Every structure is written in structure tokens, then in C-alpha cells.
Protein backbone atom coordinates (compact mmCIF):
# COMPACT_ATOMS: atom_id res chain seq x y z
CA MET A 1 -35.45 -7.97 6.28
CA SER A 2 -36.95 -8.90 2.79
CA VAL A 3 -34.82 -11.59 0.65
CA ALA A 4 -34.97 -14.00 -1.75
CA MET A 5 -34.30 -17.43 -0.97
CA PRO A 6 -31.47 -19.50 -2.55
CA ASP A 7 -31.51 -22.95 -2.95
CA VAL A 8 -27.81 -24.20 -3.45
CA GLY A 9 -28.05 -27.44 -2.54
CA GLY A 10 -27.17 -26.59 1.00
CA ALA A 11 -29.11 -25.14 4.07
CA SER A 12 -31.21 -22.17 3.07
CA ILE A 13 -31.57 -19.34 5.80
CA ALA A 14 -34.70 -20.59 6.87
CA SER A 15 -33.57 -24.43 7.79
CA ILE A 16 -30.58 -23.14 9.15
CA ALA A 17 -33.08 -20.84 11.16
CA SER A 18 -35.47 -23.46 12.09
CA VAL A 19 -32.70 -25.79 13.35
CA ALA A 20 -31.12 -22.96 15.72
CA ALA A 21 -34.69 -22.11 17.23
CA ALA A 22 -34.99 -25.42 18.77
CA GLY A 23 -31.78 -24.50 21.04
CA ASP A 24 -27.99 -25.63 22.05
CA ALA A 25 -27.38 -27.06 24.43
CA GLY A 26 -23.50 -26.62 24.80
CA GLN A 27 -24.21 -22.55 23.52
CA GLY A 28 -26.64 -22.13 27.03
CA ALA A 29 -28.65 -18.57 27.01
CA PHE A 30 -27.55 -16.42 24.13
CA ALA A 31 -28.54 -12.99 22.76
CA TYR A 32 -29.13 -12.31 18.08
CA CYS A 33 -29.80 -9.29 16.98
CA SER A 34 -30.92 -9.16 13.25
CA GLN A 35 -29.86 -6.11 10.99
CA GLN A 36 -32.10 -4.53 9.34
CA TYR A 37 -31.46 -4.82 5.83
CA ARG A 38 -33.06 -5.94 2.53
CA VAL A 39 -31.47 -8.64 0.28
CA VAL A 40 -32.46 -8.94 -3.21
CA PHE A 41 -30.67 -12.57 -4.02
CA GLY A 42 -30.72 -14.30 -7.86
CA THR A 43 -29.32 -14.41 -11.13
CA GLY A 44 -30.15 -10.92 -13.08
CA THR A 45 -31.22 -9.31 -10.19
CA SER A 46 -28.97 -6.02 -11.33
CA ALA A 47 -32.10 -5.47 -13.21
CA ARG A 48 -33.96 -4.13 -10.07
CA LEU A 49 -31.68 -1.02 -9.31
CA GLY A 50 -33.97 1.24 -10.46
CA GLU A 51 -36.71 -0.16 -8.71
CA GLU A 52 -34.46 -0.06 -5.26
CA SER A 53 -34.01 3.11 -5.85
CA GLU A 54 -37.15 3.93 -5.76
CA ARG A 55 -38.55 2.12 -2.66
CA LEU A 56 -35.90 3.63 -1.18
CA GLY A 57 -37.03 7.69 -2.28
CA ILE A 58 -33.28 8.28 -4.27
CA LYS A 59 -34.28 11.09 -6.82
CA ARG A 60 -30.07 11.73 -7.20
CA ALA A 61 -28.03 9.09 -7.40
CA LEU A 62 -24.31 8.50 -6.97
CA VAL A 63 -22.63 5.56 -8.27
CA LEU A 64 -19.06 4.26 -6.86
CA THR A 65 -16.93 2.37 -8.11
CA THR A 66 -13.27 1.64 -7.85
CA SER A 67 -10.49 2.62 -11.16
CA GLU A 68 -11.23 -0.97 -12.57
CA GLN A 69 -14.43 -1.45 -12.73
CA GLN A 70 -16.25 2.33 -13.55
CA ASP A 71 -16.90 0.53 -16.33
CA LEU A 72 -19.60 -2.06 -15.23
CA GLY A 73 -21.02 1.40 -12.57
CA ARG A 74 -21.51 3.12 -15.75
CA ARG A 75 -23.38 0.42 -17.52
CA LEU A 76 -25.34 -0.76 -14.36
CA GLY A 77 -25.71 2.99 -13.56
CA ALA A 78 -27.98 3.06 -16.49
CA GLY A 79 -30.62 1.33 -15.08
CA LEU A 80 -31.34 4.26 -12.59
CA GLY A 81 -31.97 6.50 -15.82
CA ASP A 82 -33.26 9.96 -14.70
CA ARG A 83 -32.17 9.19 -11.62
CA LEU A 84 -28.37 8.55 -12.21
CA ALA A 85 -26.98 12.15 -10.88
CA GLY A 86 -22.73 10.79 -11.15
CA LEU A 87 -19.76 8.78 -11.22
CA PHE A 88 -17.58 8.38 -9.01
CA ALA A 89 -14.29 5.76 -9.93
CA GLY A 90 -11.93 6.49 -6.73
CA ALA A 91 -12.85 3.79 -4.35
CA ARG A 92 -9.62 2.28 -3.07
CA MET A 93 -8.40 -0.30 -0.57
CA HIS A 94 -9.02 0.21 3.19
CA THR A 95 -11.21 3.11 2.45
CA PRO A 96 -8.80 5.93 3.21
CA VAL A 97 -10.02 9.37 4.40
CA GLU A 98 -9.13 11.71 1.78
CA VAL A 99 -11.09 9.53 -0.65
CA THR A 100 -14.22 9.93 1.26
CA ASN A 101 -13.47 13.66 1.39
CA GLU A 102 -13.44 13.66 -1.89
CA ALA A 103 -16.04 11.80 -2.80
CA LEU A 104 -18.19 14.01 -0.14
CA ARG A 105 -17.22 17.12 -2.15
CA ILE A 106 -19.27 15.31 -4.93
CA VAL A 107 -22.18 14.11 -2.66
CA GLU A 108 -22.80 18.20 -1.47
CA SER A 109 -22.47 19.71 -5.05
CA ARG A 110 -24.57 17.68 -6.69
CA ASP A 111 -27.34 16.99 -3.68
CA ILE A 112 -27.26 13.56 -4.19
CA ASP A 113 -29.69 12.00 -2.09
CA GLY A 114 -28.63 8.25 -2.64
CA LEU A 115 -25.46 5.75 -3.16
CA VAL A 116 -24.91 3.18 -5.56
CA ALA A 117 -22.03 1.00 -4.02
CA ILE A 118 -20.85 -1.83 -7.18
CA GLY A 119 -17.58 -3.87 -5.94
CA GLY A 120 -15.80 -5.35 -3.47
CA GLY A 121 -15.08 -4.44 0.37
CA SER A 122 -12.89 -1.42 -1.05
CA THR A 123 -15.86 -0.01 -2.97
CA VAL A 124 -18.82 -1.21 -0.19
CA GLY A 125 -16.66 0.95 2.17
CA LEU A 126 -16.48 4.29 0.72
CA GLY A 127 -20.43 3.53 0.01
CA LYS A 128 -20.42 3.00 4.34
CA ALA A 129 -18.22 5.45 4.83
CA LEU A 130 -20.19 8.53 3.22
CA SER A 131 -23.54 6.95 4.38
CA LEU A 132 -22.75 7.58 7.70
CA ARG A 133 -21.12 11.27 7.31
CA THR A 134 -24.62 11.99 4.94
CA GLY A 135 -27.52 9.75 6.84
CA LEU A 136 -27.77 9.08 2.75
CA PRO A 137 -29.51 5.71 1.67
CA HIS A 138 -26.83 3.18 0.62
CA ILE A 139 -27.39 0.56 -2.26
CA ALA A 140 -24.66 -2.39 -2.51
CA MET A 141 -24.04 -4.48 -5.24
CA PRO A 142 -21.06 -6.99 -4.27
CA THR A 143 -18.80 -8.43 -7.57
CA THR A 144 -16.70 -10.16 -5.24
CA TYR A 145 -17.49 -12.31 -1.76
CA ALA A 146 -15.87 -10.08 0.80
CA GLY A 147 -19.24 -9.65 3.00
CA SER A 148 -18.61 -6.14 4.40
CA GLU A 149 -21.93 -5.41 2.76
CA MET A 150 -23.73 -7.65 5.50
CA THR A 151 -21.80 -5.52 8.57
CA PRO A 152 -22.37 -2.62 10.41
CA ILE A 153 -18.33 -2.38 10.21
CA LEU A 154 -16.29 0.26 9.10
CA GLY A 155 -12.52 0.10 8.85
CA GLU A 156 -11.33 3.73 7.54
CA THR A 157 -7.11 4.16 7.34
CA SER A 158 -5.85 7.66 7.95
CA ASN A 159 -1.72 8.13 8.04
CA GLY A 160 -1.42 4.21 7.76
CA ILE A 161 -3.13 3.79 10.69
CA LYS A 162 -6.43 1.64 10.26
CA THR A 163 -9.49 2.00 13.29
CA THR A 164 -12.53 0.91 12.85
CA GLN A 165 -16.31 1.89 13.57
CA HIS A 166 -18.98 0.18 14.60
CA SER A 167 -23.18 1.45 14.17
CA GLN A 168 -26.06 0.34 13.02
CA ASP A 169 -26.01 3.08 10.03
CA LEU A 170 -22.90 1.80 8.50
CA VAL A 171 -25.59 -1.63 7.24
CA PRO A 172 -26.02 -0.68 3.64
CA ASP A 173 -30.54 -0.40 3.27
CA THR A 174 -30.94 -2.87 0.46
CA VAL A 175 -28.17 -5.49 -0.94
CA ILE A 176 -28.65 -6.06 -4.33
CA TYR A 177 -26.93 -10.05 -5.19
CA ASP A 178 -26.53 -10.83 -8.60
CA VAL A 179 -24.61 -13.75 -9.68
CA ASP A 180 -24.35 -12.17 -13.14
CA LEU A 181 -22.13 -9.97 -11.57
CA THR A 182 -19.41 -12.27 -9.88
CA VAL A 183 -18.87 -14.24 -12.69
CA SER A 184 -16.21 -12.35 -15.10
CA LEU A 185 -14.20 -11.95 -11.53
CA PRO A 186 -11.46 -13.65 -12.00
CA PRO A 187 -10.60 -17.37 -10.29
CA HIS A 188 -7.69 -15.89 -8.47
CA ILE A 189 -9.59 -12.99 -7.20
CA SER A 190 -12.37 -14.98 -6.16
CA ALA A 191 -10.10 -17.65 -4.68
CA ALA A 192 -8.89 -14.30 -2.33
CA SER A 193 -11.91 -12.83 -2.05
CA GLY A 194 -14.15 -16.18 -1.00
CA MET A 195 -11.16 -16.89 1.43
CA ASN A 196 -11.86 -13.71 3.10
CA ALA A 197 -15.31 -14.39 3.64
CA ILE A 198 -14.17 -17.59 4.93
CA ALA A 199 -12.41 -15.50 7.59
CA HIS A 200 -15.42 -14.43 8.84
CA ALA A 201 -17.25 -17.30 9.83
CA VAL A 202 -14.26 -19.29 11.24
CA GLU A 203 -13.89 -16.28 13.79
CA ALA A 204 -17.36 -16.17 13.99
CA LEU A 205 -17.62 -19.78 15.58
CA TYR A 206 -15.23 -18.45 18.41
CA ALA A 207 -16.34 -15.20 19.09
CA PRO A 208 -17.64 -14.48 22.26
CA ASP A 209 -21.05 -13.25 21.29
CA ALA A 210 -21.33 -16.75 18.97
CA ASN A 211 -24.78 -18.03 19.20
CA PRO A 212 -26.75 -21.00 17.55
CA LEU A 213 -27.84 -18.90 14.60
CA THR A 214 -25.04 -17.58 13.42
CA SER A 215 -23.13 -20.86 14.13
CA LEU A 216 -25.01 -22.68 11.67
CA MET A 217 -24.70 -19.97 9.08
CA ALA A 218 -20.78 -19.99 9.65
CA GLU A 219 -20.55 -23.66 9.04
CA GLU A 220 -22.45 -23.60 6.28
CA GLY A 221 -20.90 -20.44 4.35
CA ILE A 222 -17.56 -22.03 4.82
CA ALA A 223 -18.75 -25.52 3.47
CA ALA A 224 -20.40 -23.27 0.71
CA LEU A 225 -17.28 -21.29 -0.42
CA ALA A 226 -14.83 -24.42 0.30
CA ARG A 227 -17.00 -26.22 -2.47
CA ALA A 228 -17.37 -23.71 -4.55
CA LEU A 229 -13.83 -21.69 -4.85
CA PRO A 230 -12.21 -25.01 -6.07
CA ARG A 231 -14.78 -25.32 -8.82
CA ILE A 232 -14.31 -22.14 -9.90
CA MET A 233 -10.40 -22.31 -10.26
CA THR A 234 -11.41 -24.52 -12.87
CA ALA A 235 -14.45 -23.59 -14.35
CA PRO A 236 -15.05 -19.94 -13.97
CA ALA A 237 -18.17 -19.75 -15.72
CA ASP A 238 -20.44 -22.36 -13.75
CA PRO A 239 -23.41 -20.92 -11.75
CA GLY A 240 -23.32 -23.46 -9.92
CA ALA A 241 -20.48 -22.87 -8.45
CA ARG A 242 -20.60 -19.20 -8.57
CA ARG A 243 -23.98 -19.46 -6.75
CA ASP A 244 -22.87 -21.43 -4.19
CA ALA A 245 -19.61 -18.87 -3.37
CA LEU A 246 -22.04 -15.90 -3.32
CA TYR A 247 -24.13 -17.86 -0.86
CA GLY A 248 -21.61 -18.83 0.80
CA ALA A 249 -20.07 -15.29 0.84
CA TRP A 250 -23.51 -13.79 1.96
CA LEU A 251 -23.50 -16.52 5.12
CA CYS A 252 -19.93 -15.18 6.14
CA GLY A 253 -21.27 -11.79 6.04
CA VAL A 254 -24.10 -12.20 8.15
CA CYS A 255 -21.77 -13.76 10.46
CA LEU A 256 -19.60 -11.09 10.72
CA GLY A 257 -22.31 -8.35 10.91
CA ALA A 258 -23.49 -9.97 13.72
CA VAL A 259 -20.60 -10.97 16.57
CA GLY A 260 -17.70 -9.55 17.32
CA MET A 261 -14.35 -10.58 15.60
CA SER A 262 -11.02 -11.39 17.32
CA LEU A 263 -7.22 -11.89 16.52
CA HIS A 264 -7.24 -12.63 12.81
CA HIS A 265 -9.17 -9.59 12.03
CA LYS A 266 -7.17 -7.70 14.29
CA LEU A 267 -3.91 -9.14 12.58
CA CYS A 268 -5.11 -8.28 9.76
CA HIS A 269 -6.39 -4.92 10.28
CA VAL A 270 -3.31 -4.29 11.10
CA LEU A 271 -1.18 -5.34 8.55
CA GLY A 272 -3.09 -3.63 6.51
CA GLY A 273 -2.73 -0.69 7.63
CA MET A 274 0.90 -0.36 8.55
CA PHE A 275 2.28 -1.80 5.33
CA ASN A 276 -0.84 -1.80 2.41
CA LEU A 277 -1.14 -5.03 1.57
CA PRO A 278 -3.70 -6.29 -0.45
CA HIS A 279 -6.69 -7.51 1.85
CA ALA A 280 -7.67 -10.58 0.79
CA GLU A 281 -4.66 -11.97 0.16
CA THR A 282 -3.50 -10.79 3.45
CA HIS A 283 -6.79 -13.04 5.29
CA ALA A 284 -5.85 -16.01 2.66
CA ILE A 285 -2.58 -16.38 4.77
CA VAL A 286 -3.00 -15.10 8.45
CA LEU A 287 -6.05 -17.16 8.78
CA PRO A 288 -4.77 -20.76 8.73
CA HIS A 289 -2.04 -19.13 11.50
CA ALA A 290 -4.40 -17.13 13.55
CA ALA A 291 -6.84 -20.31 13.55
CA ALA A 292 -3.83 -22.38 14.79
CA TYR A 293 -3.44 -19.92 17.52
CA ASN A 294 -6.38 -20.14 19.04
CA ALA A 295 -6.93 -24.31 17.87
CA ALA A 296 -6.44 -25.27 21.76
CA ALA A 297 -8.94 -22.94 22.90
CA ALA A 298 -11.94 -23.45 20.84
CA PRO A 299 -11.98 -27.14 20.18
CA GLU A 300 -15.27 -27.01 19.16
CA ALA A 301 -15.09 -24.07 16.59
CA MET A 302 -12.00 -25.69 15.45
CA SER A 303 -14.30 -29.29 15.09
CA ARG A 304 -16.85 -27.51 13.05
CA VAL A 305 -14.18 -25.60 10.68
CA ALA A 306 -13.21 -28.91 9.78
CA ARG A 307 -16.29 -30.81 9.30
CA ALA A 308 -17.11 -27.86 6.88
CA LEU A 309 -13.75 -28.16 4.76
CA ARG A 310 -14.22 -32.22 5.15
CA SER A 311 -10.43 -31.93 6.66
CA ALA A 312 -9.28 -33.71 9.69
CA ASN A 313 -7.26 -30.33 10.73
CA ALA A 314 -8.80 -27.19 10.82
CA PRO A 315 -6.06 -25.28 10.53
CA GLN A 316 -4.46 -27.03 8.18
CA GLY A 317 -7.44 -27.73 5.61
CA LEU A 318 -7.67 -23.70 5.56
CA PHE A 319 -3.68 -24.02 4.42
CA ASP A 320 -4.59 -26.44 2.45
CA LEU A 321 -7.47 -24.95 0.92
CA ALA A 322 -5.33 -21.27 0.05
CA ARG A 323 -2.99 -23.70 -1.39
CA GLN A 324 -4.98 -25.43 -3.79
CA LEU A 325 -6.57 -22.11 -4.69
CA ALA A 326 -2.66 -20.99 -5.37
CA LEU A 327 -2.68 -18.11 -3.17
CA PRO A 328 0.12 -16.69 -1.59
CA ARG A 329 1.24 -18.29 1.30
CA ALA A 330 3.62 -16.12 2.61
CA LEU A 331 3.23 -12.36 3.82
CA SER A 332 6.82 -11.16 2.33
CA GLY A 333 5.27 -12.25 -1.23
CA ILE A 334 2.56 -9.43 -0.69
CA GLY A 335 4.95 -6.43 -0.05
CA MET A 336 5.45 -7.01 3.66
CA PRO A 337 9.20 -6.33 4.97
CA GLU A 338 10.81 -8.55 7.47
CA ASP A 339 11.73 -5.52 9.30
CA GLY A 340 8.43 -4.66 10.06
CA ILE A 341 7.05 -8.31 12.05
CA ALA A 342 8.02 -6.75 16.01
CA ARG A 343 6.00 -3.37 14.99
CA ALA A 344 3.00 -5.27 13.70
CA ALA A 345 2.90 -7.32 16.67
CA GLU A 346 3.35 -4.74 18.90
CA MET A 347 0.89 -3.06 17.66
CA ALA A 348 -1.36 -6.43 17.37
CA ALA A 349 -0.92 -7.00 21.42
CA ARG A 350 -2.10 -3.50 21.67
CA ASN A 351 -5.63 -2.86 22.26
CA PRO A 352 -6.68 -6.53 21.18
CA TYR A 353 -9.81 -8.09 20.34
CA ALA A 354 -11.48 -10.35 22.54
CA ASN A 355 -9.99 -14.27 21.40
CA PRO A 356 -10.61 -17.71 22.94
CA ARG A 357 -6.44 -17.02 23.63
CA PRO A 358 -5.07 -14.41 25.43
CA VAL A 359 -2.98 -12.18 22.60
CA GLU A 360 0.81 -12.49 24.01
CA ARG A 361 3.01 -9.81 21.70
CA VAL A 362 6.11 -12.69 21.32
CA ALA A 363 3.24 -15.18 20.75
CA ILE A 364 1.56 -12.94 18.43
CA GLN A 365 5.73 -12.31 17.10
CA ASP A 366 5.79 -15.64 16.23
CA LEU A 367 2.66 -16.31 14.37
CA ILE A 368 3.20 -13.20 12.07
CA ALA A 369 7.11 -14.10 11.41
CA ALA A 370 5.42 -17.78 10.09
CA ALA A 371 2.71 -15.81 8.11
CA TRP A 372 5.48 -13.80 6.54
CA ARG A 373 7.70 -16.87 6.16
CA GLY A 374 4.63 -18.66 4.56
CA ASP A 375 5.59 -21.69 7.06
CA ALA A 376 2.29 -24.24 7.58
CA PRO A 377 0.25 -23.29 11.04
CA VAL A 378 1.65 -24.76 13.78
CA GLN A 379 -0.40 -25.92 16.50
CA HIS A 380 0.69 -24.77 19.98
């Protein structure tokens, strides 16, 4: 992995790695698999898109965006020069299969030999889906803090059901992190996206395959985002806050890609797929409740989350941070019907992800109901 090291007042990847190398007696033996990708991090790094495309041998690139970000796609795509072969601005939340098929027809008809995804998780997800089907090189240029660009994971939706795939072929070949691309991200979207990233790190801390390296990155990622997001709410153009947030999102995304996720992500996949709920807001609402559900079974993880948040209690600290960021508190407020609670609980308890506490349908139904109402998290 090639990477430009950030210096944002916290631990760098190099310092994290050196601490982890010393070992953690509480963890015992572990395995850590490093993803094979290149990271370019900094301010103004989007100017290197042409250079990075040339490095991957791309001669006819298709730029991918959502409809809302197509102007940005055109502007950055111009940096490809004669390597730009087209723009597809149809990326959508939850990566619908029909959208992927539509973009695939353009790839085939225009002899595309490389993909450039500019945007958040929806666009990066489309880039992954296309790369998986075609084997084409994929450059991701994130404009949010979702972290999808760091993972070998793809969630696709078909007929209201979201399924997840894991493959090393899903990891983008190059990720260009440009702090400048996040400055215009509206504060409320920044907040929701940042809470989504924090969710990756929280679950990484109690993952069955957690290890000292990912745990250090997870705690540092949570801390970086927790200090950055409130600053972004009051001063959206603060370059230090934006840099901290992007750095934190990178770390949280690495965690998501390195270890397994648990109950929280299962719940969000089920709720998002069944009711077409906004992805990041769903994460922000569910996370404190999922943390409370697992708190007694994962005390060390909760201690590290609380320390990163500078809070006495991890679930309540997550809930308070979301409230401080003016994020929705209730699933009812983002479109989930009350009569969907039981159905969602049944699906979430079916084929559950590995989790510190057994996944019991009745308890999960109570969790979803509390999140639907917008209650504060309650530990059991």
C-alpha cells in the first residue's frame, strides 16, 4: 500500500502500527490481513487523478456520480484529459442491481477500461459492483466519510432485499482522499456520514476477529471524528476539522475492511433494504441501541469507545454525539413504518452476523422499537 501520511494531531498510521507491533497480551494470538490498495491523502490531491489513471493503465475512463454530483464529476473528470470516455450520473443508495446493469451497458458500448467513482458510499458501491463484474481498475474519490472505499464489501439491493458480498476484487485499486472535496459537504450530511464511519469502528472493537492493530485504528478513528464533527457543524469550512474527519473516516473504513461486522451492520442492512431508509441516518439512529445491546458482552470495547468519545458511557455517548450533531433520533422520523418493526426483527435474527451477545428475535424487536421511537439507549 502506498500512502501519503496525514499529520492531524493524533496518532499516525505509522505510530499505530508501531504500538500494535509491541503486542497486546489481552488479545493473544491474532491474524491481520492488509488490503492491497494505494492511498493518496491530502489537500488538492484530486489534481493527481490523471497521473493515477495513467499509473493503472486506464485509457478510457467512465466517471461515476450521483445525479446531484454530476457537475463535480464533470469538473474532476476534465483532469483525465483524453482519457475521459463518459460520465454516468445514476448512482443510487443501496446499489440497486438495475442501476448497475444500466451502467454496465455503457461500459460495454463505449469500450471502457477503467472506472472513477466520485462521491459517497452510493457511488463507490456502484464502482465496486461494476469492477466486480468486469475486472476493470477502479479509482475512488470519496466526498463523504462513509468509508466504503476501504472495504472488500458490497451491499446490493434487488426486489427490496439487500445482500452482501465479500471479495478482495471489490477493493478500489487507488483511493484519492482530497480534503478539499469534503469542505462543501453540508454539515448535516457530514454529521450523518461521520456517524456512519464511527459505527464501523465501534463494531470493529468487538468483532470476533478483532486484533490490536484494528482496535488502535478504531479508537483513534472514533476520537478523530468525535472531535471533528461538532466543529464542522459550527464552522463547516474549518480545514483542520475537515482533515481530522477525513482522516478518522479513513481509519474507520480500514477497520470495516479488515474485520467482520456484527449486529449493528446487520440491522442497518435489513432496515435500509426493506424500507429504503437513508443509509447514514439509519446508522446514526441504530448505533447507540446496538452498542447498548452488546455492552455487557463487550466491556473492553465499550471502554475504548467511551474513552474515544470522552464519555462515561459508550452507548449514551454515541446517542449524545448524534443529538449534538442534530441528527434524527428516531427511525419513525426517516420513513420506517411502525408495522415494519416485527418484520425487520424477524429478518435481522435470521442468519445473524457473529455478535458478542446472542441475537434473540424478541430482544432485537425491542431494540428496533426503541430506535423507532427515538428513545435513549438502555443497557440490559
